[in-house]
Amino acid sequence: MKKYSYGFTLVELMIVIVIVGILAAIALPAYRSHVEKTNLAEAKQKLVDIRQKLETQKMTAPGEYARGAGAALETKYGTFLQGELGKIDPKLTGKYTFSRSAKVINGNQVNVVMQAYPTASSGYKFGVFIDSTNKAWRCPKTVMSATADYTSQPAFGNCEAF
């Protein structure tokens, strides 16, 4: 009498489950890291686009953004930036809180900084900060402020050019 074997043994199934578990333990964190990097790059691009729109606006309406207007100029910059930040895709605003600051310095210059701060629900570890000279910085969430109220790059020791 011949004995036919159909299927897998319990040991074979357990080995496959262990291998799949090991692969998942390695692949899932790497995948999440890549997703965060992609979303951070998209957030940075949105901030850069807004900065470019501001420069275009200044060129097309130079009288409205002339130096020497002081507080009115700060308000005009702030209103423009807030309007542009409001146009960002809700998928991205669910992952980052976008904020800006427009402060008058030296009586006639406006210092503009913007940032994307990771929301608590996203679980992300890094945010992006664009300073007044258009330099972008990738900073850990733990050293960022939830509001962008800086006159230069924040004093974060752990930030890196991005």
N, C-alpha and C. Protein backbone atom coordinates (compact mmCIF):
# COMPACT_ATOMS: atom_id res chain seq x y z
N MET A 1 0.84 -1.16 0.00
CA MET A 1 0.00 0.00 0.00
C MET A 1 0.90 1.24 0.00
N LYS A 2 0.62 2.12 -0.96
CA LYS A 2 1.40 3.35 -1.05
C LYS A 2 0.73 4.44 -0.24
N LYS A 3 1.59 5.22 0.39
CA LYS A 3 1.08 6.34 1.19
C LYS A 3 1.37 7.63 0.41
N TYR A 4 0.32 8.36 0.10
CA TYR A 4 0.48 9.62 -0.62
C TYR A 4 0.40 10.77 0.38
N SER A 5 1.29 11.72 0.18
CA SER A 5 1.31 12.88 1.07
C SER A 5 0.83 14.11 0.30
N TYR A 6 -0.17 14.72 0.84
CA TYR A 6 -0.69 15.94 0.24
C TYR A 6 -0.52 17.08 1.24
N GLY A 7 0.00 18.21 0.76
CA GLY A 7 0.11 19.36 1.64
C GLY A 7 1.47 19.46 2.31
N PHE A 8 1.50 20.29 3.34
CA PHE A 8 2.73 20.57 4.06
C PHE A 8 2.63 20.06 5.48
N THR A 9 3.78 19.81 6.06
CA THR A 9 3.79 19.40 7.46
C THR A 9 3.73 20.64 8.32
N LEU A 10 3.44 20.47 9.57
CA LEU A 10 3.37 21.58 10.51
C LEU A 10 4.72 22.27 10.63
N VAL A 11 5.80 21.53 10.62
CA VAL A 11 7.14 22.10 10.73
C VAL A 11 7.43 22.99 9.53
N GLU A 12 7.07 22.54 8.35
CA GLU A 12 7.30 23.35 7.15
C GLU A 12 6.50 24.66 7.22
N LEU A 13 5.29 24.60 7.66
CA LEU A 13 4.47 25.81 7.80
C LEU A 13 5.06 26.76 8.83
N MET A 14 5.55 26.23 9.93
CA MET A 14 6.15 27.08 10.98
C MET A 14 7.41 27.77 10.46
N ILE A 15 8.20 27.07 9.67
CA ILE A 15 9.41 27.67 9.10
C ILE A 15 9.03 28.83 8.17
N VAL A 16 8.03 28.63 7.35
CA VAL A 16 7.58 29.69 6.44
C VAL A 16 7.07 30.89 7.24
N ILE A 17 6.32 30.67 8.29
CA ILE A 17 5.80 31.76 9.12
C ILE A 17 6.94 32.54 9.76
N VAL A 18 7.95 31.86 10.24
CA VAL A 18 9.11 32.53 10.85
C VAL A 18 9.84 33.37 9.81
N ILE A 19 10.03 32.83 8.63
CA ILE A 19 10.73 33.58 7.57
C ILE A 19 9.93 34.83 7.18
N VAL A 20 8.63 34.69 7.01
CA VAL A 20 7.79 35.85 6.68
C VAL A 20 7.82 36.88 7.81
N GLY A 21 7.81 36.44 9.05
CA GLY A 21 7.89 37.35 10.19
C GLY A 21 9.19 38.13 10.22
N ILE A 22 10.29 37.46 9.93
CA ILE A 22 11.59 38.14 9.91
C ILE A 22 11.62 39.17 8.78
N LEU A 23 11.15 38.80 7.61
CA LEU A 23 11.11 39.75 6.49
C LEU A 23 10.24 40.96 6.81
N ALA A 24 9.11 40.73 7.44
CA ALA A 24 8.22 41.84 7.81
C ALA A 24 8.87 42.75 8.84
N ALA A 25 9.59 42.16 9.79
CA ALA A 25 10.24 42.96 10.83
C ALA A 25 11.32 43.86 10.24
N ILE A 26 11.93 43.43 9.17
CA ILE A 26 12.98 44.23 8.52
C ILE A 26 12.37 45.22 7.53
N ALA A 27 11.43 44.77 6.75
CA ALA A 27 10.90 45.58 5.66
C ALA A 27 9.97 46.70 6.11
N LEU A 28 9.15 46.46 7.10
CA LEU A 28 8.15 47.45 7.51
C LEU A 28 8.77 48.76 8.01
N PRO A 29 9.75 48.73 8.92
CA PRO A 29 10.37 49.99 9.33
C PRO A 29 11.07 50.72 8.17
N ALA A 30 11.70 49.97 7.29
CA ALA A 30 12.35 50.59 6.14
C ALA A 30 11.32 51.26 5.24
N TYR A 31 10.20 50.60 5.04
CA TYR A 31 9.12 51.15 4.22
C TYR A 31 8.58 52.44 4.85
N ARG A 32 8.32 52.41 6.13
CA ARG A 32 7.80 53.60 6.82
C ARG A 32 8.78 54.77 6.73
N SER A 33 10.07 54.46 6.85
CA SER A 33 11.09 55.50 6.74
C SER A 33 11.07 56.14 5.35
N HIS A 34 10.94 55.32 4.32
CA HIS A 34 10.88 55.86 2.96
C HIS A 34 9.62 56.68 2.73
N VAL A 35 8.51 56.25 3.28
CA VAL A 35 7.26 57.01 3.15
C VAL A 35 7.42 58.37 3.82
N GLU A 36 8.03 58.40 5.01
CA GLU A 36 8.24 59.68 5.71
C GLU A 36 9.15 60.60 4.90
N LYS A 37 10.23 60.05 4.35
CA LYS A 37 11.15 60.87 3.55
C LYS A 37 10.44 61.45 2.32
N THR A 38 9.60 60.65 1.70
CA THR A 38 8.86 61.11 0.53
C THR A 38 7.90 62.24 0.91
N ASN A 39 7.17 62.07 1.99
CA ASN A 39 6.23 63.11 2.42
C ASN A 39 6.97 64.37 2.87
N LEU A 40 8.13 64.22 3.51
CA LEU A 40 8.91 65.38 3.93
C LEU A 40 9.42 66.14 2.70
N ALA A 41 9.85 65.43 1.69
CA ALA A 41 10.30 66.08 0.45
C ALA A 41 9.14 66.81 -0.22
N GLU A 42 7.95 66.23 -0.18
CA GLU A 42 6.78 66.89 -0.76
C GLU A 42 6.42 68.15 0.04
N ALA A 43 6.51 68.08 1.36
CA ALA A 43 6.24 69.25 2.20
C ALA A 43 7.25 70.36 1.90
N LYS A 44 8.51 69.98 1.76
CA LYS A 44 9.54 70.96 1.43
C LYS A 44 9.23 71.62 0.09
N GLN A 45 8.84 70.81 -0.89
CA GLN A 45 8.54 71.35 -2.21
C GLN A 45 7.38 72.33 -2.16
N LYS A 46 6.37 72.04 -1.36
CA LYS A 46 5.24 72.96 -1.22
C LYS A 46 5.71 74.29 -0.65
N LEU A 47 6.57 74.25 0.36
CA LEU A 47 7.07 75.48 0.97
C LEU A 47 7.93 76.27 -0.02
N VAL A 48 8.75 75.58 -0.80
CA VAL A 48 9.58 76.24 -1.80
C VAL A 48 8.69 76.88 -2.87
N ASP A 49 7.64 76.18 -3.28
CA ASP A 49 6.70 76.73 -4.27
C ASP A 49 6.04 78.01 -3.74
N ILE A 50 5.65 78.00 -2.48
CA ILE A 50 5.04 79.19 -1.88
C ILE A 50 6.03 80.34 -1.85
N ARG A 51 7.27 80.03 -1.51
CA ARG A 51 8.31 81.06 -1.47
C ARG A 51 8.51 81.67 -2.87
N GLN A 52 8.49 80.82 -3.89
CA GLN A 52 8.64 81.31 -5.26
C GLN A 52 7.44 82.16 -5.68
N LYS A 53 6.25 81.76 -5.27
CA LYS A 53 5.05 82.56 -5.57
C LYS A 53 5.14 83.92 -4.91
N LEU A 54 5.69 83.97 -3.70
CA LEU A 54 5.86 85.25 -3.01
C LEU A 54 6.82 86.14 -3.78
N GLU A 55 7.92 85.58 -4.25
CA GLU A 55 8.88 86.37 -5.02
C GLU A 55 8.26 86.86 -6.33
N THR A 56 7.46 86.01 -6.97
CA THR A 56 6.76 86.42 -8.19
C THR A 56 5.78 87.55 -7.90
N GLN A 57 5.06 87.43 -6.80
CA GLN A 57 4.11 88.46 -6.39
C GLN A 57 4.82 89.79 -6.15
N LYS A 58 5.98 89.73 -5.53
CA LYS A 58 6.75 90.95 -5.27
C LYS A 58 7.22 91.60 -6.57
N MET A 59 7.51 90.78 -7.58
CA MET A 59 7.97 91.32 -8.86
C MET A 59 6.80 91.90 -9.68
N THR A 60 5.63 91.28 -9.59
CA THR A 60 4.49 91.76 -10.38
C THR A 60 3.80 92.96 -9.75
N ALA A 61 3.92 93.11 -8.44
CA ALA A 61 3.31 94.26 -7.75
C ALA A 61 4.35 94.88 -6.81
N PRO A 62 5.41 95.48 -7.38
CA PRO A 62 6.49 95.98 -6.53
C PRO A 62 6.07 97.09 -5.57
N GLY A 63 5.09 97.88 -5.95
CA GLY A 63 4.64 98.96 -5.08
C GLY A 63 4.02 98.45 -3.79
N GLU A 64 3.34 97.32 -3.86
CA GLU A 64 2.68 96.76 -2.69
C GLU A 64 3.66 96.18 -1.68
N TYR A 65 4.83 95.79 -2.17
CA TYR A 65 5.82 95.15 -1.30
C TYR A 65 7.08 96.00 -1.16
N ALA A 66 6.92 97.32 -1.30
CA ALA A 66 8.06 98.22 -1.21
C ALA A 66 8.58 98.30 0.22
N ARG A 67 9.86 98.52 0.33
CA ARG A 67 10.46 98.65 1.66
C ARG A 67 9.99 99.93 2.32
N GLY A 68 10.03 99.92 3.62
CA GLY A 68 9.68 101.10 4.37
C GLY A 68 8.25 101.12 4.87
N ALA A 69 7.46 100.12 4.49
CA ALA A 69 6.06 100.10 4.90
C ALA A 69 5.88 99.54 6.31
N GLY A 70 6.91 98.96 6.90
CA GLY A 70 6.86 98.49 8.29
C GLY A 70 5.82 97.44 8.57
N ALA A 71 4.97 97.71 9.57
CA ALA A 71 3.99 96.73 10.03
C ALA A 71 2.98 96.36 8.95
N ALA A 72 2.62 97.31 8.09
CA ALA A 72 1.68 97.00 7.01
C ALA A 72 2.29 95.97 6.06
N LEU A 73 3.59 96.08 5.85
CA LEU A 73 4.28 95.13 4.99
C LEU A 73 4.29 93.74 5.62
N GLU A 74 4.51 93.69 6.92
CA GLU A 74 4.48 92.42 7.66
C GLU A 74 3.11 91.75 7.52
N THR A 75 2.06 92.54 7.63
CA THR A 75 0.69 92.02 7.50
C THR A 75 0.45 91.51 6.08
N LYS A 76 0.90 92.27 5.08
CA LYS A 76 0.70 91.86 3.68
C LYS A 76 1.41 90.54 3.40
N TYR A 77 2.64 90.40 3.84
CA TYR A 77 3.37 89.14 3.67
C TYR A 77 2.65 88.00 4.38
N GLY A 78 2.27 88.24 5.62
CA GLY A 78 1.60 87.21 6.41
C GLY A 78 0.30 86.74 5.78
N THR A 79 -0.49 87.69 5.27
CA THR A 79 -1.76 87.35 4.62
C THR A 79 -1.52 86.52 3.37
N PHE A 80 -0.55 86.93 2.56
CA PHE A 80 -0.24 86.18 1.35
C PHE A 80 0.21 84.76 1.69
N LEU A 81 1.12 84.63 2.63
CA LEU A 81 1.64 83.31 3.00
C LEU A 81 0.55 82.42 3.57
N GLN A 82 -0.30 82.98 4.43
CA GLN A 82 -1.37 82.18 5.03
C GLN A 82 -2.35 81.70 3.97
N GLY A 83 -2.64 82.55 3.00
CA GLY A 83 -3.53 82.16 1.91
C GLY A 83 -2.95 81.01 1.09
N GLU A 84 -1.66 81.06 0.83
CA GLU A 84 -1.01 79.99 0.07
C GLU A 84 -0.92 78.70 0.89
N LEU A 85 -0.64 78.82 2.18
CA LEU A 85 -0.58 77.63 3.03
C LEU A 85 -1.95 76.94 3.10
N GLY A 86 -3.01 77.73 3.00
CA GLY A 86 -4.35 77.16 3.03
C GLY A 86 -4.70 76.35 1.78
N LYS A 87 -3.92 76.48 0.72
CA LYS A 87 -4.18 75.75 -0.52
C LYS A 87 -3.48 74.39 -0.57
N ILE A 88 -2.72 74.06 0.45
CA ILE A 88 -1.98 72.79 0.44
C ILE A 88 -2.95 71.63 0.57
N ASP A 89 -2.67 70.57 -0.15
CA ASP A 89 -3.50 69.36 -0.19
C ASP A 89 -3.78 68.83 1.22
N PRO A 90 -5.04 68.53 1.54
CA PRO A 90 -5.38 68.01 2.87
C PRO A 90 -4.67 66.71 3.23
N LYS A 91 -4.29 65.92 2.23
CA LYS A 91 -3.54 64.69 2.53
C LYS A 91 -2.21 65.03 3.21
N LEU A 92 -1.61 66.14 2.78
CA LEU A 92 -0.33 66.55 3.36
C LEU A 92 -0.52 67.31 4.67
N THR A 93 -1.60 68.09 4.77
CA THR A 93 -1.83 68.83 6.01
C THR A 93 -2.27 67.90 7.13
N GLY A 94 -2.69 66.70 6.80
CA GLY A 94 -2.98 65.71 7.83
C GLY A 94 -1.72 65.12 8.44
N LYS A 95 -0.61 65.28 7.74
CA LYS A 95 0.66 64.73 8.20
C LYS A 95 1.57 65.80 8.80
N TYR A 96 1.41 67.04 8.34
CA TYR A 96 2.25 68.15 8.81
C TYR A 96 1.38 69.36 9.12
N THR A 97 1.81 70.12 10.11
CA THR A 97 1.21 71.41 10.40
C THR A 97 2.11 72.45 9.76
N PHE A 98 1.57 73.20 8.83
CA PHE A 98 2.35 74.21 8.12
C PHE A 98 2.17 75.55 8.82
N SER A 99 3.29 76.22 9.07
CA SER A 99 3.21 77.53 9.70
C SER A 99 4.23 78.46 9.06
N ARG A 100 4.04 79.74 9.28
CA ARG A 100 4.94 80.75 8.71
C ARG A 100 5.08 81.89 9.68
N SER A 101 6.12 82.67 9.45
CA SER A 101 6.34 83.87 10.23
C SER A 101 6.89 84.93 9.28
N ALA A 102 6.35 86.12 9.37
CA ALA A 102 6.84 87.26 8.59
C ALA A 102 7.07 88.40 9.58
N LYS A 103 8.32 88.68 9.87
CA LYS A 103 8.67 89.70 10.86
C LYS A 103 9.48 90.81 10.20
N VAL A 104 9.13 92.04 10.53
CA VAL A 104 9.89 93.19 10.03
C VAL A 104 11.16 93.31 10.85
N ILE A 105 12.29 93.40 10.15
CA ILE A 105 13.58 93.63 10.81
C ILE A 105 14.21 94.87 10.19
N ASN A 106 14.96 95.59 10.95
CA ASN A 106 15.62 96.81 10.51
C ASN A 106 14.63 97.85 9.96
N GLY A 107 13.38 97.75 10.36
CA GLY A 107 12.39 98.75 9.98
C GLY A 107 11.84 98.64 8.57
N ASN A 108 12.56 97.97 7.67
CA ASN A 108 12.06 97.94 6.29
C ASN A 108 12.25 96.61 5.56
N GLN A 109 12.79 95.62 6.22
CA GLN A 109 12.95 94.31 5.59
C GLN A 109 12.06 93.31 6.30
N VAL A 110 11.53 92.36 5.54
CA VAL A 110 10.68 91.34 6.13
C VAL A 110 11.42 90.01 6.10
N ASN A 111 11.54 89.42 7.26
CA ASN A 111 12.18 88.12 7.40
C ASN A 111 11.09 87.05 7.36
N VAL A 112 11.09 86.22 6.32
CA VAL A 112 10.06 85.19 6.14
C VAL A 112 10.66 83.82 6.41
N VAL A 113 10.03 83.08 7.32
CA VAL A 113 10.41 81.68 7.56
C VAL A 113 9.14 80.84 7.53
N MET A 114 9.30 79.60 7.07
CA MET A 114 8.17 78.68 7.01
C MET A 114 8.64 77.31 7.48
N GLN A 115 7.68 76.52 7.95
CA GLN A 115 8.04 75.17 8.37
C GLN A 115 6.86 74.22 8.22
N ALA A 116 7.20 72.95 8.16
CA ALA A 116 6.22 71.86 8.18
C ALA A 116 6.58 71.01 9.39
N TYR A 117 5.71 71.05 10.40
CA TYR A 117 5.94 70.35 11.67
C TYR A 117 5.08 69.09 11.67
N PRO A 118 5.66 67.91 11.93
CA PRO A 118 4.87 66.68 11.88
C PRO A 118 3.75 66.65 12.92
N THR A 119 2.57 66.21 12.50
CA THR A 119 1.45 66.08 13.43
C THR A 119 1.65 64.85 14.30
N ALA A 120 0.98 64.84 15.43
CA ALA A 120 1.09 63.70 16.35
C ALA A 120 0.54 62.43 15.71
N SER A 121 -0.51 62.57 14.93
CA SER A 121 -1.13 61.38 14.33
C SER A 121 -0.27 60.76 13.23
N SER A 122 0.65 61.53 12.65
CA SER A 122 1.48 60.98 11.57
C SER A 122 2.55 60.03 12.11
N GLY A 123 3.02 60.30 13.32
CA GLY A 123 4.08 59.47 13.88
C GLY A 123 5.44 59.76 13.27
N TYR A 124 5.54 60.82 12.46
CA TYR A 124 6.81 61.14 11.81
C TYR A 124 7.79 61.75 12.81
N LYS A 125 9.06 61.60 12.52
CA LYS A 125 10.11 62.05 13.43
C LYS A 125 10.77 63.35 12.99
N PHE A 126 10.58 63.76 11.73
CA PHE A 126 11.29 64.93 11.22
C PHE A 126 10.33 65.93 10.59
N GLY A 127 10.76 67.19 10.64
CA GLY A 127 10.05 68.27 9.99
C GLY A 127 11.02 69.04 9.12
N VAL A 128 10.50 69.99 8.35
CA VAL A 128 11.35 70.80 7.49
C VAL A 128 11.15 72.27 7.84
N PHE A 129 12.25 73.02 7.82
CA PHE A 129 12.25 74.44 8.16
C PHE A 129 12.96 75.19 7.03
N ILE A 130 12.34 76.23 6.50
CA ILE A 130 12.97 77.05 5.46
C ILE A 130 13.21 78.43 6.06
N ASP A 131 14.48 78.82 6.11
CA ASP A 131 14.82 80.09 6.74
C ASP A 131 14.69 81.24 5.74
N SER A 132 15.04 82.44 6.20
CA SER A 132 14.85 83.65 5.39
C SER A 132 15.76 83.71 4.17
N THR A 133 16.80 82.89 4.13
CA THR A 133 17.70 82.87 2.97
C THR A 133 17.36 81.73 2.02
N ASN A 134 16.20 81.12 2.18
CA ASN A 134 15.72 80.00 1.36
C ASN A 134 16.51 78.71 1.56
N LYS A 135 17.19 78.58 2.66
CA LYS A 135 17.86 77.32 2.97
C LYS A 135 16.86 76.42 3.68
N ALA A 136 16.85 75.16 3.30
CA ALA A 136 15.93 74.20 3.92
C ALA A 136 16.71 73.33 4.90
N TRP A 137 16.09 73.09 6.05
CA TRP A 137 16.71 72.29 7.11
C TRP A 137 15.77 71.16 7.49
N ARG A 138 16.32 69.96 7.61
CA ARG A 138 15.57 68.79 8.09
C ARG A 138 15.89 68.67 9.57
N CYS A 139 14.88 68.81 10.41
CA CYS A 139 15.09 68.86 11.85
C CYS A 139 14.25 67.80 12.56
N PRO A 140 14.79 67.21 13.62
CA PRO A 140 13.98 66.28 14.42
C PRO A 140 12.82 67.02 15.07
N LYS A 141 11.69 66.37 15.13
CA LYS A 141 10.49 66.97 15.72
C LYS A 141 10.72 67.37 17.17
N THR A 142 11.54 66.62 17.87
CA THR A 142 11.74 66.86 19.30
C THR A 142 12.40 68.20 19.60
N VAL A 143 13.10 68.79 18.61
CA VAL A 143 13.76 70.07 18.86
C VAL A 143 13.10 71.23 18.14
N MET A 144 11.98 70.96 17.46
CA MET A 144 11.28 72.02 16.73
C MET A 144 10.17 72.60 17.60
N SER A 145 9.83 73.84 17.30
CA SER A 145 8.68 74.47 17.92
C SER A 145 7.50 74.27 16.98
N ALA A 146 6.32 74.18 17.52
CA ALA A 146 5.13 73.98 16.68
C ALA A 146 4.80 75.21 15.85
N THR A 147 5.41 76.35 16.17
CA THR A 147 5.18 77.56 15.38
C THR A 147 6.50 78.04 14.81
N ALA A 148 6.47 78.60 13.62
CA ALA A 148 7.68 79.11 12.98
C ALA A 148 7.84 80.57 13.35
N ASP A 149 8.49 80.85 14.42
CA ASP A 149 8.67 82.23 14.86
C ASP A 149 10.16 82.48 15.10
N TYR A 150 10.94 82.31 14.05
CA TYR A 150 12.39 82.45 14.16
C TYR A 150 12.84 83.56 13.24
N THR A 151 13.95 84.20 13.56
CA THR A 151 14.52 85.20 12.66
C THR A 151 15.66 84.61 11.85
N SER A 152 16.13 83.45 12.20
CA SER A 152 17.16 82.75 11.43
C SER A 152 16.97 81.26 11.69
N GLN A 153 17.94 80.46 11.27
CA GLN A 153 17.83 79.03 11.52
C GLN A 153 17.72 78.80 13.02
N PRO A 154 16.79 77.95 13.44
CA PRO A 154 16.67 77.65 14.87
C PRO A 154 17.97 77.08 15.41
N ALA A 155 18.18 77.26 16.68
CA ALA A 155 19.41 76.78 17.31
C ALA A 155 19.30 75.29 17.60
N PHE A 156 19.03 74.52 16.58
CA PHE A 156 18.94 73.07 16.74
C PHE A 156 20.30 72.48 16.39
N GLY A 157 20.88 71.75 17.29
CA GLY A 157 22.14 71.11 16.99
C GLY A 157 22.00 69.93 16.05
N ASN A 158 20.80 69.40 15.94
CA ASN A 158 20.62 68.18 15.16
C ASN A 158 20.03 68.41 13.78
N CYS A 159 19.87 69.65 13.36
CA CYS A 159 19.32 69.91 12.04
C CYS A 159 20.40 69.72 10.98
N GLU A 160 19.95 69.32 9.80
CA GLU A 160 20.89 69.15 8.69
C GLU A 160 20.30 69.79 7.45
N ALA A 161 21.18 70.22 6.54
CA ALA A 161 20.72 70.82 5.29
C ALA A 161 19.91 69.79 4.52
N PHE A 162 18.85 70.26 3.89
CA PHE A 162 17.92 69.33 3.23
C PHE A 162 17.61 69.81 1.83
